[in-house]
Every structure is written in structure tokens, then in C-alpha cells.
C-alpha atoms as a PDB file:
ATOM      1  CA  MET A   1     -17.511-121.622 -74.680  1.00  0.00           C
ATOM      2  CA  GLN A   2     -15.501-119.116 -76.777  1.00  0.00           C
ATOM      3  CA  ASN A   3     -14.597-115.864 -75.774  1.00  0.00           C
ATOM      4  CA  PHE A   4     -14.674-113.071 -78.443  1.00  0.00           C
ATOM      5  CA  THR A   5     -13.955-109.373 -78.613  1.00  0.00           C
ATOM      6  CA  SER A   6     -15.229-106.502 -80.235  1.00  0.00           C
ATOM      7  CA  ASP A   7     -15.224-102.682 -80.169  1.00  0.00           C
ATOM      8  CA  PHE A   8     -17.937-100.587 -80.086  1.00  0.00           C
ATOM      9  CA  THR A   9     -19.439 -97.346 -78.683  1.00  0.00           C
ATOM     10  CA  ILE A  10     -21.416 -96.465 -75.230  1.00  0.00           C
ATOM     11  CA  SER A  11     -22.786 -92.961 -74.940  1.00  0.00           C
ATOM     12  CA  ALA A  12     -22.605 -91.617 -71.564  1.00  0.00           C
ATOM     13  CA  GLU A  13     -21.597 -88.403 -69.675  1.00  0.00           C
ATOM     14  CA  THR A  14     -18.940 -89.382 -67.625  1.00  0.00           C
ATOM     15  CA  LYS A  15     -16.297 -92.350 -67.944  1.00  0.00           C
ATOM     16  CA  GLN A  16     -17.489 -94.269 -65.068  1.00  0.00           C
ATOM     17  CA  GLU A  17     -21.029 -93.971 -66.082  1.00  0.00           C
ATOM     18  CA  ALA A  18     -19.943 -95.837 -69.175  1.00  0.00           C
ATOM     19  CA  GLU A  19     -17.936 -98.304 -67.229  1.00  0.00           C
ATOM     20  CA  VAL A  20     -21.006 -99.082 -64.875  1.00  0.00           C
ATOM     21  CA  LYS A  21     -23.231 -99.319 -68.314  1.00  0.00           C
ATOM     22  CA  LEU A  22     -20.687-102.199 -69.430  1.00  0.00           C
ATOM     23  CA  LYS A  23     -20.640-103.850 -66.307  1.00  0.00           C
ATOM     24  CA  SER A  24     -24.373-103.943 -66.742  1.00  0.00           C
ATOM     25  CA  ILE A  25     -24.325-105.424 -69.973  1.00  0.00           C
ATOM     26  CA  GLN A  26     -21.818-107.980 -69.166  1.00  0.00           C
ATOM     27  CA  THR A  27     -24.276-109.502 -66.105  1.00  0.00           C
ATOM     28  CA  ILE A  28     -27.346-109.542 -68.373  1.00  0.00           C
ATOM     29  CA  VAL A  29     -25.125-110.847 -71.533  1.00  0.00           C
ATOM     30  CA  SER A  30     -24.143-113.665 -68.817  1.00  0.00           C
ATOM     31  CA  LYS A  31     -27.180-114.559 -67.348  1.00  0.00           C
ATOM     32  CA  LEU A  32     -29.523-114.761 -70.468  1.00  0.00           C
ATOM     33  CA  ASN A  33     -28.893-117.516 -73.262  1.00  0.00           C
ATOM     34  CA  THR A  34     -29.408-116.482 -77.088  1.00  0.00           C
ATOM     35  CA  LYS A  35     -32.742-116.551 -77.262  1.00  0.00           C
ATOM     36  CA  GLU A  36     -33.744-115.017 -74.269  1.00  0.00           C
ATOM     37  CA  LEU A  37     -31.161-111.941 -75.187  1.00  0.00           C
ATOM     38  CA  VAL A  38     -32.822-111.470 -78.303  1.00  0.00           C
ATOM     39  CA  ARG A  39     -36.319-111.395 -77.211  1.00  0.00           C
ATOM     40  CA  LEU A  40     -35.279-108.714 -74.210  1.00  0.00           C
ATOM     41  CA  ALA A  41     -33.888-106.689 -77.165  1.00  0.00           C
ATOM     42  CA  GLU A  42     -37.039-107.188 -79.260  1.00  0.00           C
ATOM     43  CA  VAL A  43     -39.003-105.919 -76.016  1.00  0.00           C
ATOM     44  CA  VAL A  44     -36.525-102.832 -75.725  1.00  0.00           C
ATOM     45  CA  GLU A  45     -37.135-101.664 -78.943  1.00  0.00           C
ATOM     46  CA  LYS A  46     -40.768-102.649 -80.268  1.00  0.00           C
ATOM     47  CA  GLU A  47     -43.053-102.437 -76.851  1.00  0.00           C
ATOM     48  CA  PRO A  48     -42.538 -99.560 -74.746  1.00  0.00           C
ATOM     49  CA  MET A  49     -45.516-100.713 -72.417  1.00  0.00           C
ATOM     50  CA  LYS A  50     -43.567-103.719 -71.325  1.00  0.00           C
ATOM     51  CA  MET A  51     -40.524-101.409 -70.581  1.00  0.00           C
ATOM     52  CA  ALA A  52     -42.493 -99.445 -68.718  1.00  0.00           C
ATOM     53  CA  MET A  53     -44.052-101.884 -67.107  1.00  0.00           C
ATOM     54  CA  ALA A  54     -40.043-103.485 -66.186  1.00  0.00           C
ATOM     55  CA  LYS A  55     -39.122-100.140 -64.982  1.00  0.00           C
ATOM     56  CA  LYS A  56     -41.662 -99.655 -62.606  1.00  0.00           C
ATOM     57  CA  ALA A  57     -41.292-103.168 -61.269  1.00  0.00           C
ATOM     58  CA  LEU A  58     -37.493-102.024 -61.074  1.00  0.00           C
ATOM     59  CA  GLY A  59     -38.272 -98.666 -59.248  1.00  0.00           C
ATOM     60  CA  VAL A  60     -36.430 -96.920 -61.744  1.00  0.00           C
END
């Protein structure tokens, strides 16, 4: 598999928070295939009830 780089912006209160978000995103991307990642994005954007259930299950 090839690696690609891109510039993007992460909204955060501090640089440290942005770094934590980036590391978290990298973990998610490394564990999900493209189809799973696309479906996750769809749930996050369009299914607030599923997001609420997921957050509750995660304790956040």
C-alpha cells in the first residue's frame, strides 16, 4: 500500500489537542478499510441517534 500526504486543518483549542485528534484519526484510518470508513463518516454526519448510542457506549 502506498502512503500519501495532504494538508488539512484541525480545529482545536490548543496544539496539543490538535495532535491528540490527529493521532486518533490515524488510528481509526489504520484499523478500518475504505468501505468501513465511508460508512462511519455517513453515520457521524447523518445518524445522530446512532452517534448518541456510540458516545454512550464509549462513556463520553
